[in-house]
Amino acid sequence: LGSVAVILSVRILTILVFGMAGYDTPRHIRYQVAQF
């Protein structure tokens, strides 16, 4: 479970970084972050 938590954290951080860099729309970013 600790390993999965680390993977989820990295995934959320990746979404935020690439979203802020302009690779995704704010709405899509919020949707993905909410899911994770």
PDB file of all heavy atoms in Angstrom:
ATOM      1  N   LEU A   1       0.827  -1.209   0.000  1.00  0.00           N
ATOM      2  CA  LEU A   1       0.000   0.000   0.000  1.00  0.00           C
ATOM      3  C   LEU A   1       0.861   1.258   0.000  1.00  0.00           C
ATOM      4  O   LEU A   1       0.515   2.255  -0.651  1.00  0.00           O
ATOM      5  CB  LEU A   1      -0.920  -0.004   1.222  1.00  0.00           C
ATOM      6  CG  LEU A   1      -2.041  -1.060   1.221  1.00  0.00           C
ATOM      7  CD1 LEU A   1      -2.816  -1.011   2.527  1.00  0.00           C
ATOM      8  CD2 LEU A   1      -2.983  -0.847   0.039  1.00  0.00           C
ATOM      9  N   GLY A   2       1.985   1.222   0.715  1.00  0.00           N
ATOM     10  CA  GLY A   2       2.891   2.363   0.698  1.00  0.00           C
ATOM     11  C   GLY A   2       3.464   2.621  -0.687  1.00  0.00           C
ATOM     12  O   GLY A   2       3.590   3.776  -1.114  1.00  0.00           O
ATOM     13  N   SER A   3       3.780   1.546  -1.404  1.00  0.00           N
ATOM     14  CA  SER A   3       4.305   1.690  -2.769  1.00  0.00           C
ATOM     15  C   SER A   3       3.256   2.291  -3.697  1.00  0.00           C
ATOM     16  O   SER A   3       3.558   3.167  -4.520  1.00  0.00           O
ATOM     17  CB  SER A   3       4.754   0.325  -3.293  1.00  0.00           C
ATOM     18  OG  SER A   3       5.748  -0.240  -2.462  1.00  0.00           O
ATOM     19  N   VAL A   4       2.007   1.828  -3.561  1.00  0.00           N
ATOM     20  CA  VAL A   4       0.928   2.374  -4.395  1.00  0.00           C
ATOM     21  C   VAL A   4       0.710   3.849  -4.072  1.00  0.00           C
ATOM     22  O   VAL A   4       0.454   4.661  -4.971  1.00  0.00           O
ATOM     23  CB  VAL A   4      -0.371   1.569  -4.176  1.00  0.00           C
ATOM     24  CG1 VAL A   4      -1.535   2.218  -4.921  1.00  0.00           C
ATOM     25  CG2 VAL A   4      -0.188   0.136  -4.645  1.00  0.00           C
ATOM     26  N   ALA A   5       0.808   4.222  -2.797  1.00  0.00           N
ATOM     27  CA  ALA A   5       0.638   5.627  -2.406  1.00  0.00           C
ATOM     28  C   ALA A   5       1.697   6.511  -3.051  1.00  0.00           C
ATOM     29  O   ALA A   5       1.406   7.628  -3.502  1.00  0.00           O
ATOM     30  CB  ALA A   5       0.697   5.744  -0.883  1.00  0.00           C
ATOM     31  N   VAL A   6       2.932   6.019  -3.103  1.00  0.00           N
ATOM     32  CA  VAL A   6       4.010   6.781  -3.750  1.00  0.00           C
ATOM     33  C   VAL A   6       3.714   6.959  -5.242  1.00  0.00           C
ATOM     34  O   VAL A   6       3.890   8.045  -5.809  1.00  0.00           O
ATOM     35  CB  VAL A   6       5.366   6.081  -3.541  1.00  0.00           C
ATOM     36  CG1 VAL A   6       6.451   6.743  -4.385  1.00  0.00           C
ATOM     37  CG2 VAL A   6       5.754   6.101  -2.076  1.00  0.00           C
ATOM     38  N   ILE A   7       3.247   5.891  -5.892  1.00  0.00           N
ATOM     39  CA  ILE A   7       2.929   5.963  -7.323  1.00  0.00           C
ATOM     40  C   ILE A   7       1.814   6.979  -7.579  1.00  0.00           C
ATOM     41  O   ILE A   7       1.875   7.772  -8.524  1.00  0.00           O
ATOM     42  CB  ILE A   7       2.527   4.571  -7.843  1.00  0.00           C
ATOM     43  CG1 ILE A   7       3.729   3.619  -7.778  1.00  0.00           C
ATOM     44  CG2 ILE A   7       2.007   4.655  -9.276  1.00  0.00           C
ATOM     45  CD1 ILE A   7       3.402   2.187  -8.122  1.00  0.00           C
ATOM     46  N   LEU A   8       0.763   6.944  -6.733  1.00  0.00           N
ATOM     47  CA  LEU A   8      -0.329   7.907  -6.886  1.00  0.00           C
ATOM     48  C   LEU A   8       0.157   9.345  -6.686  1.00  0.00           C
ATOM     49  O   LEU A   8      -0.247  10.255  -7.421  1.00  0.00           O
ATOM     50  CB  LEU A   8      -1.444   7.600  -5.885  1.00  0.00           C
ATOM     51  CG  LEU A   8      -2.375   6.425  -6.227  1.00  0.00           C
ATOM     52  CD1 LEU A   8      -3.359   6.190  -5.097  1.00  0.00           C
ATOM     53  CD2 LEU A   8      -3.113   6.677  -7.532  1.00  0.00           C
ATOM     54  N   SER A   9       1.021   9.550  -5.713  1.00  0.00           N
ATOM     55  CA  SER A   9       1.546  10.894  -5.461  1.00  0.00           C
ATOM     56  C   SER A   9       2.347  11.402  -6.654  1.00  0.00           C
ATOM     57  O   SER A   9       2.210  12.565  -7.060  1.00  0.00           O
ATOM     58  CB  SER A   9       2.419  10.883  -4.206  1.00  0.00           C
ATOM     59  OG  SER A   9       1.685  10.470  -3.068  1.00  0.00           O
ATOM     60  N   VAL A  10       3.185  10.538  -7.208  1.00  0.00           N
ATOM     61  CA  VAL A  10       3.972  10.928  -8.386  1.00  0.00           C
ATOM     62  C   VAL A  10       3.053  11.236  -9.559  1.00  0.00           C
ATOM     63  O   VAL A  10       3.275  12.195 -10.320  1.00  0.00           O
ATOM     64  CB  VAL A  10       4.965   9.809  -8.746  1.00  0.00           C
ATOM     65  CG1 VAL A  10       5.649  10.104 -10.079  1.00  0.00           C
ATOM     66  CG2 VAL A  10       6.010   9.654  -7.653  1.00  0.00           C
ATOM     67  N   ARG A  11       1.998  10.427  -9.709  1.00  0.00           N
ATOM     68  CA  ARG A  11       1.063  10.650 -10.817  1.00  0.00           C
ATOM     69  C   ARG A  11       0.349  12.001 -10.686  1.00  0.00           C
ATOM     70  O   ARG A  11       0.212  12.751 -11.654  1.00  0.00           O
ATOM     71  CB  ARG A  11       0.042   9.509 -10.854  1.00  0.00           C
ATOM     72  CG  ARG A  11      -1.000   9.630 -11.954  1.00  0.00           C
ATOM     73  CD  ARG A  11      -0.362   9.731 -13.318  1.00  0.00           C
ATOM     74  NE  ARG A  11      -1.359   9.826 -14.368  1.00  0.00           N
ATOM     75  CZ  ARG A  11      -1.110  10.236 -15.599  1.00  0.00           C
ATOM     76  NH1 ARG A  11       0.119  10.591 -15.940  1.00  0.00           N
ATOM     77  NH2 ARG A  11      -2.070  10.281 -16.495  1.00  0.00           N
ATOM     78  N   ILE A  12      -0.119  12.321  -9.477  1.00  0.00           N
ATOM     79  CA  ILE A  12      -0.786  13.609  -9.251  1.00  0.00           C
ATOM     80  C   ILE A  12       0.169  14.763  -9.526  1.00  0.00           C
ATOM     81  O   ILE A  12      -0.186  15.758 -10.170  1.00  0.00           O
ATOM     82  CB  ILE A  12      -1.324  13.683  -7.808  1.00  0.00           C
ATOM     83  CG1 ILE A  12      -2.477  12.690  -7.635  1.00  0.00           C
ATOM     84  CG2 ILE A  12      -1.799  15.085  -7.482  1.00  0.00           C
ATOM     85  CD1 ILE A  12      -2.987  12.599  -6.208  1.00  0.00           C
ATOM     86  N   LEU A  13       1.406  14.640  -9.059  1.00  0.00           N
ATOM     87  CA  LEU A  13       2.398  15.689  -9.292  1.00  0.00           C
ATOM     88  C   LEU A  13       2.674  15.855 -10.781  1.00  0.00           C
ATOM     89  O   LEU A  13       2.809  16.980 -11.281  1.00  0.00           O
ATOM     90  CB  LEU A  13       3.686  15.351  -8.544  1.00  0.00           C
ATOM     91  CG  LEU A  13       4.827  16.375  -8.636  1.00  0.00           C
ATOM     92  CD1 LEU A  13       4.370  17.705  -8.046  1.00  0.00           C
ATOM     93  CD2 LEU A  13       6.064  15.864  -7.910  1.00  0.00           C
ATOM     94  N   THR A  14       2.739  14.747 -11.503  1.00  0.00           N
ATOM     95  CA  THR A  14       2.985  14.798 -12.948  1.00  0.00           C
ATOM     96  C   THR A  14       1.856  15.522 -13.672  1.00  0.00           C
ATOM     97  O   THR A  14       2.087  16.342 -14.566  1.00  0.00           O
ATOM     98  CB  THR A  14       3.139  13.377 -13.509  1.00  0.00           C
ATOM     99  OG1 THR A  14       4.204  12.711 -12.830  1.00  0.00           O
ATOM    100  CG2 THR A  14       3.427  13.411 -14.998  1.00  0.00           C
ATOM    101  N   ILE A  15       0.620  15.215 -13.266  1.00  0.00           N
ATOM    102  CA  ILE A  15      -0.544  15.871 -13.887  1.00  0.00           C
ATOM    103  C   ILE A  15      -0.498  17.375 -13.658  1.00  0.00           C
ATOM    104  O   ILE A  15      -0.726  18.184 -14.574  1.00  0.00           O
ATOM    105  CB  ILE A  15      -1.852  15.276 -13.329  1.00  0.00           C
ATOM    106  CG1 ILE A  15      -2.007  13.826 -13.793  1.00  0.00           C
ATOM    107  CG2 ILE A  15      -3.055  16.100 -13.778  1.00  0.00           C
ATOM    108  CD1 ILE A  15      -3.174  13.114 -13.153  1.00  0.00           C
ATOM    109  N   LEU A  16      -0.181  17.761 -12.428  1.00  0.00           N
ATOM    110  CA  LEU A  16      -0.136  19.187 -12.114  1.00  0.00           C
ATOM    111  C   LEU A  16       0.969  19.897 -12.885  1.00  0.00           C
ATOM    112  O   LEU A  16       0.775  20.994 -13.420  1.00  0.00           O
ATOM    113  CB  LEU A  16       0.063  19.374 -10.604  1.00  0.00           C
ATOM    114  CG  LEU A  16      -1.121  18.963  -9.723  1.00  0.00           C
ATOM    115  CD1 LEU A  16      -0.736  19.057  -8.255  1.00  0.00           C
ATOM    116  CD2 LEU A  16      -2.334  19.837 -10.015  1.00  0.00           C
ATOM    117  N   VAL A  17       2.142  19.275 -12.947  1.00  0.00           N
ATOM    118  CA  VAL A  17       3.283  19.907 -13.627  1.00  0.00           C
ATOM    119  C   VAL A  17       3.011  20.077 -15.109  1.00  0.00           C
ATOM    120  O   VAL A  17       3.174  21.166 -15.686  1.00  0.00           O
ATOM    121  CB  VAL A  17       4.566  19.088 -13.393  1.00  0.00           C
ATOM    122  CG1 VAL A  17       5.683  19.603 -14.299  1.00  0.00           C
ATOM    123  CG2 VAL A  17       4.984  19.176 -11.941  1.00  0.00           C
ATOM    124  N   PHE A  18       2.559  18.999 -15.771  1.00  0.00           N
ATOM    125  CA  PHE A  18       2.315  19.093 -17.205  1.00  0.00           C
ATOM    126  C   PHE A  18       1.103  19.966 -17.503  1.00  0.00           C
ATOM    127  O   PHE A  18       1.037  20.622 -18.541  1.00  0.00           O
ATOM    128  CB  PHE A  18       2.113  17.690 -17.802  1.00  0.00           C
ATOM    129  CG  PHE A  18       3.398  16.974 -18.047  1.00  0.00           C
ATOM    130  CD1 PHE A  18       3.896  16.068 -17.125  1.00  0.00           C
ATOM    131  CD2 PHE A  18       4.133  17.206 -19.197  1.00  0.00           C
ATOM    132  CE1 PHE A  18       5.089  15.406 -17.347  1.00  0.00           C
ATOM    133  CE2 PHE A  18       5.332  16.555 -19.429  1.00  0.00           C
ATOM    134  CZ  PHE A  18       5.821  15.652 -18.500  1.00  0.00           C
ATOM    135  N   GLY A  19       0.136  19.982 -16.566  1.00  0.00           N
ATOM    136  CA  GLY A  19      -1.023  20.846 -16.768  1.00  0.00           C
ATOM    137  C   GLY A  19      -0.642  22.309 -16.706  1.00  0.00           C
ATOM    138  O   GLY A  19      -1.060  23.114 -17.543  1.00  0.00           O
ATOM    139  N   MET A  20       0.155  22.666 -15.703  1.00  0.00           N
ATOM    140  CA  MET A  20       0.590  24.047 -15.583  1.00  0.00           C
ATOM    141  C   MET A  20       1.516  24.451 -16.725  1.00  0.00           C
ATOM    142  O   MET A  20       1.653  25.632 -17.032  1.00  0.00           O
ATOM    143  CB  MET A  20       1.298  24.247 -14.235  1.00  0.00           C
ATOM    144  CG  MET A  20       0.339  24.226 -13.053  1.00  0.00           C
ATOM    145  SD  MET A  20       1.142  24.627 -11.473  1.00  0.00           S
ATOM    146  CE  MET A  20       2.207  23.204 -11.266  1.00  0.00           C
ATOM    147  N   ALA A  21       2.163  23.446 -17.351  1.00  0.00           N
ATOM    148  CA  ALA A  21       3.042  23.756 -18.481  1.00  0.00           C
ATOM    149  C   ALA A  21       2.262  23.950 -19.777  1.00  0.00           C
ATOM    150  O   ALA A  21       2.848  24.243 -20.813  1.00  0.00           O
ATOM    151  CB  ALA A  21       4.060  22.638 -18.660  1.00  0.00           C
ATOM    152  N   GLY A  22       0.924  23.773 -19.718  1.00  0.00           N
ATOM    153  CA  GLY A  22       0.114  24.042 -20.892  1.00  0.00           C
ATOM    154  C   GLY A  22      -0.219  22.835 -21.728  1.00  0.00           C
ATOM    155  O   GLY A  22      -0.709  22.978 -22.856  1.00  0.00           O
ATOM    156  N   TYR A  23       0.013  21.622 -21.228  1.00  0.00           N
ATOM    157  CA  TYR A  23      -0.258  20.427 -22.001  1.00  0.00           C
ATOM    158  C   TYR A  23      -1.687  19.918 -21.822  1.00  0.00           C
ATOM    159  O   TYR A  23      -2.083  18.942 -22.423  1.00  0.00           O
ATOM    160  CB  TYR A  23       0.711  19.307 -21.621  1.00  0.00           C
ATOM    161  CG  TYR A  23       2.117  19.568 -22.076  1.00  0.00           C
ATOM    162  CD1 TYR A  23       3.073  20.062 -21.195  1.00  0.00           C
ATOM    163  CD2 TYR A  23       2.485  19.335 -23.391  1.00  0.00           C
ATOM    164  CE1 TYR A  23       4.366  20.307 -21.608  1.00  0.00           C
ATOM    165  CE2 TYR A  23       3.778  19.579 -23.819  1.00  0.00           C
ATOM    166  CZ  TYR A  23       4.719  20.068 -22.925  1.00  0.00           C
ATOM    167  OH  TYR A  23       5.995  20.321 -23.349  1.00  0.00           O
ATOM    168  N   ASP A  24      -2.475  20.548 -20.970  1.00  0.00           N
ATOM    169  CA  ASP A  24      -3.830  20.087 -20.724  1.00  0.00           C
ATOM    170  C   ASP A  24      -4.694  21.268 -20.304  1.00  0.00           C
ATOM    171  O   ASP A  24      -4.190  22.313 -19.890  1.00  0.00           O
ATOM    172  CB  ASP A  24      -3.841  19.025 -19.621  1.00  0.00           C
ATOM    173  CG  ASP A  24      -4.923  17.986 -19.868  1.00  0.00           C
ATOM    174  OD1 ASP A  24      -5.880  18.312 -20.602  1.00  0.00           O
ATOM    175  OD2 ASP A  24      -4.813  16.870 -19.326  1.00  0.00           O
ATOM    176  N   THR A  25      -6.021  21.084 -20.383  1.00  0.00           N
ATOM    177  CA  THR A  25      -6.938  22.147 -19.982  1.00  0.00           C
ATOM    178  C   THR A  25      -7.150  22.111 -18.476  1.00  0.00           C
ATOM    179  O   THR A  25      -7.064  21.050 -17.861  1.00  0.00           O
ATOM    180  CB  THR A  25      -8.287  21.960 -20.680  1.00  0.00           C
ATOM    181  OG1 THR A  25      -8.868  20.712 -20.261  1.00  0.00           O
ATOM    182  CG2 THR A  25      -8.111  21.946 -22.200  1.00  0.00           C
ATOM    183  N   PRO A  26      -7.443  23.259 -17.856  1.00  0.00           N
ATOM    184  CA  PRO A  26      -7.671  23.291 -16.404  1.00  0.00           C
ATOM    185  C   PRO A  26      -8.788  22.351 -15.976  1.00  0.00           C
ATOM    186  O   PRO A  26      -8.703  21.715 -14.913  1.00  0.00           O
ATOM    187  CB  PRO A  26      -8.030  24.756 -16.140  1.00  0.00           C
ATOM    188  CG  PRO A  26      -7.384  25.516 -17.252  1.00  0.00           C
ATOM    189  CD  PRO A  26      -7.461  24.617 -18.444  1.00  0.00           C
ATOM    190  N   ARG A  27      -9.846  22.244 -16.771  1.00  0.00           N
ATOM    191  CA  ARG A  27     -10.955  21.355 -16.406  1.00  0.00           C
ATOM    192  C   ARG A  27     -10.521  19.901 -16.390  1.00  0.00           C
ATOM    193  O   ARG A  27     -10.870  19.142 -15.478  1.00  0.00           O
ATOM    194  CB  ARG A  27     -12.097  21.553 -17.407  1.00  0.00           C
ATOM    195  CG  ARG A  27     -13.329  20.711 -17.074  1.00  0.00           C
ATOM    196  CD  ARG A  27     -14.445  21.003 -18.066  1.00  0.00           C
ATOM    197  NE  ARG A  27     -15.622  20.212 -17.771  1.00  0.00           N
ATOM    198  CZ  ARG A  27     -16.747  20.237 -18.484  1.00  0.00           C
ATOM    199  NH1 ARG A  27     -16.835  21.060 -19.532  1.00  0.00           N
ATOM    200  NH2 ARG A  27     -17.775  19.473 -18.151  1.00  0.00           N
ATOM    201  N   HIS A  28      -9.762  19.517 -17.398  1.00  0.00           N
ATOM    202  CA  HIS A  28      -9.273  18.128 -17.448  1.00  0.00           C
ATOM    203  C   HIS A  28      -8.309  17.845 -16.297  1.00  0.00           C
ATOM    204  O   HIS A  28      -8.307  16.757 -15.727  1.00  0.00           O
ATOM    205  CB  HIS A  28      -8.593  17.882 -18.794  1.00  0.00           C
ATOM    206  CG  HIS A  28      -8.324  16.432 -19.058  1.00  0.00           C
ATOM    207  ND1 HIS A  28      -7.324  15.988 -19.883  1.00  0.00           N
ATOM    208  CD2 HIS A  28      -8.931  15.312 -18.574  1.00  0.00           C
ATOM    209  CE1 HIS A  28      -7.329  14.674 -19.922  1.00  0.00           C
ATOM    210  NE2 HIS A  28      -8.294  14.235 -19.140  1.00  0.00           N
ATOM    211  N   ILE A  29      -7.499  18.828 -15.964  1.00  0.00           N
ATOM    212  CA  ILE A  29      -6.560  18.670 -14.845  1.00  0.00           C
ATOM    213  C   ILE A  29      -7.322  18.430 -13.540  1.00  0.00           C
ATOM    214  O   ILE A  29      -7.013  17.528 -12.774  1.00  0.00           O
ATOM    215  CB  ILE A  29      -5.664  19.912 -14.713  1.00  0.00           C
ATOM    216  CG1 ILE A  29      -4.754  20.029 -15.945  1.00  0.00           C
ATOM    217  CG2 ILE A  29      -4.825  19.842 -13.447  1.00  0.00           C
ATOM    218  CD1 ILE A  29      -3.991  21.332 -15.987  1.00  0.00           C
ATOM    219  N   ARG A  30      -8.350  19.256 -13.298  1.00  0.00           N
ATOM    220  CA  ARG A  30      -9.137  19.102 -12.069  1.00  0.00           C
ATOM    221  C   ARG A  30      -9.813  17.742 -12.010  1.00  0.00           C
ATOM    222  O   ARG A  30      -9.888  17.105 -10.946  1.00  0.00           O
ATOM    223  CB  ARG A  30     -10.177  20.220 -11.980  1.00  0.00           C
ATOM    224  CG  ARG A  30      -9.604  21.597 -11.679  1.00  0.00           C
ATOM    225  CD  ARG A  30     -10.694  22.558 -11.262  1.00  0.00           C
ATOM    226  NE  ARG A  30     -11.663  22.767 -12.339  1.00  0.00           N
ATOM    227  CZ  ARG A  30     -11.566  23.726 -13.248  1.00  0.00           C
ATOM    228  NH1 ARG A  30     -10.547  24.576 -13.224  1.00  0.00           N
ATOM    229  NH2 ARG A  30     -12.492  23.855 -14.180  1.00  0.00           N
ATOM    230  N   TYR A  31     -10.303  17.271 -13.148  1.00  0.00           N
ATOM    231  CA  TYR A  31     -10.974  15.971 -13.200  1.00  0.00           C
ATOM    232  C   TYR A  31     -10.010  14.829 -12.864  1.00  0.00           C
ATOM    233  O   TYR A  31     -10.313  13.938 -12.063  1.00  0.00           O
ATOM    234  CB  TYR A  31     -11.580  15.761 -14.592  1.00  0.00           C
ATOM    235  CG  TYR A  31     -12.210  14.395 -14.782  1.00  0.00           C
ATOM    236  CD1 TYR A  31     -13.445  14.097 -14.209  1.00  0.00           C
ATOM    237  CD2 TYR A  31     -11.567  13.421 -15.545  1.00  0.00           C
ATOM    238  CE1 TYR A  31     -14.027  12.846 -14.381  1.00  0.00           C
ATOM    239  CE2 TYR A  31     -12.135  12.172 -15.722  1.00  0.00           C
ATOM    240  CZ  TYR A  31     -13.360  11.888 -15.140  1.00  0.00           C
ATOM    241  OH  TYR A  31     -13.924  10.643 -15.313  1.00  0.00           O
ATOM    242  N   GLN A  32      -8.826  14.882 -13.462  1.00  0.00           N
ATOM    243  CA  GLN A  32      -7.842  13.829 -13.209  1.00  0.00           C
ATOM    244  C   GLN A  32      -7.342  13.851 -11.770  1.00  0.00           C
ATOM    245  O   GLN A  32      -7.230  12.811 -11.115  1.00  0.00           O
ATOM    246  CB  GLN A  32      -6.669  13.977 -14.181  1.00  0.00           C
ATOM    247  CG  GLN A  32      -6.992  13.594 -15.605  1.00  0.00           C
ATOM    248  CD  GLN A  32      -5.764  13.649 -16.494  1.00  0.00           C
ATOM    249  OE1 GLN A  32      -4.927  14.534 -16.362  1.00  0.00           O
ATOM    250  NE2 GLN A  32      -5.648  12.705 -17.405  1.00  0.00           N
ATOM    251  N   VAL A  33      -7.069  15.057 -11.264  1.00  0.00           N
ATOM    252  CA  VAL A  33      -6.594  15.178  -9.890  1.00  0.00           C
ATOM    253  C   VAL A  33      -7.651  14.689  -8.908  1.00  0.00           C
ATOM    254  O   VAL A  33      -7.352  14.017  -7.920  1.00  0.00           O
ATOM    255  CB  VAL A  33      -6.204  16.637  -9.579  1.00  0.00           C
ATOM    256  CG1 VAL A  33      -5.933  16.818  -8.086  1.00  0.00           C
ATOM    257  CG2 VAL A  33      -4.983  17.036 -10.382  1.00  0.00           C
ATOM    258  N   ALA A  34      -8.927  15.012  -9.179  1.00  0.00           N
ATOM    259  CA  ALA A  34     -10.016  14.572  -8.307  1.00  0.00           C
ATOM    260  C   ALA A  34     -10.104  13.045  -8.278  1.00  0.00           C
ATOM    261  O   ALA A  34     -10.329  12.438  -7.218  1.00  0.00           O
ATOM    262  CB  ALA A  34     -11.342  15.174  -8.775  1.00  0.00           C
ATOM    263  N   GLN A  35      -9.936  12.408  -9.428  1.00  0.00           N
ATOM    264  CA  GLN A  35      -9.977  10.947  -9.494  1.00  0.00           C
ATOM    265  C   GLN A  35      -8.855  10.329  -8.655  1.00  0.00           C
ATOM    266  O   GLN A  35      -9.095   9.423  -7.836  1.00  0.00           O
ATOM    267  CB  GLN A  35      -9.860  10.474 -10.944  1.00  0.00           C
ATOM    268  CG  GLN A  35     -11.144  10.544 -11.729  1.00  0.00           C
ATOM    269  CD  GLN A  35     -11.012   9.869 -13.072  1.00  0.00           C
ATOM    270  OE1 GLN A  35      -9.998  10.010 -13.760  1.00  0.00           O
ATOM    271  NE2 GLN A  35     -12.026   9.131 -13.467  1.00  0.00           N
ATOM    272  N   PHE A  36      -7.650  10.794  -8.859  1.00  0.00           N
ATOM    273  CA  PHE A  36      -6.517  10.236  -8.118  1.00  0.00           C
ATOM    274  C   PHE A  36      -6.589  10.589  -6.634  1.00  0.00           C
ATOM    275  O   PHE A  36      -6.188   9.799  -5.784  1.00  0.00           O
ATOM    276  CB  PHE A  36      -5.203  10.731  -8.722  1.00  0.00           C
ATOM    277  CG  PHE A  36      -4.817  10.023  -9.994  1.00  0.00           C
ATOM    278  CD1 PHE A  36      -4.966  10.639 -11.222  1.00  0.00           C
ATOM    279  CD2 PHE A  36      -4.323   8.735  -9.952  1.00  0.00           C
ATOM    280  CE1 PHE A  36      -4.618   9.986 -12.394  1.00  0.00           C
ATOM    281  CE2 PHE A  36      -3.962   8.069 -11.122  1.00  0.00           C
ATOM    282  CZ  PHE A  36      -4.118   8.698 -12.345  1.00  0.00           C
TER     283      PHE A  36
END
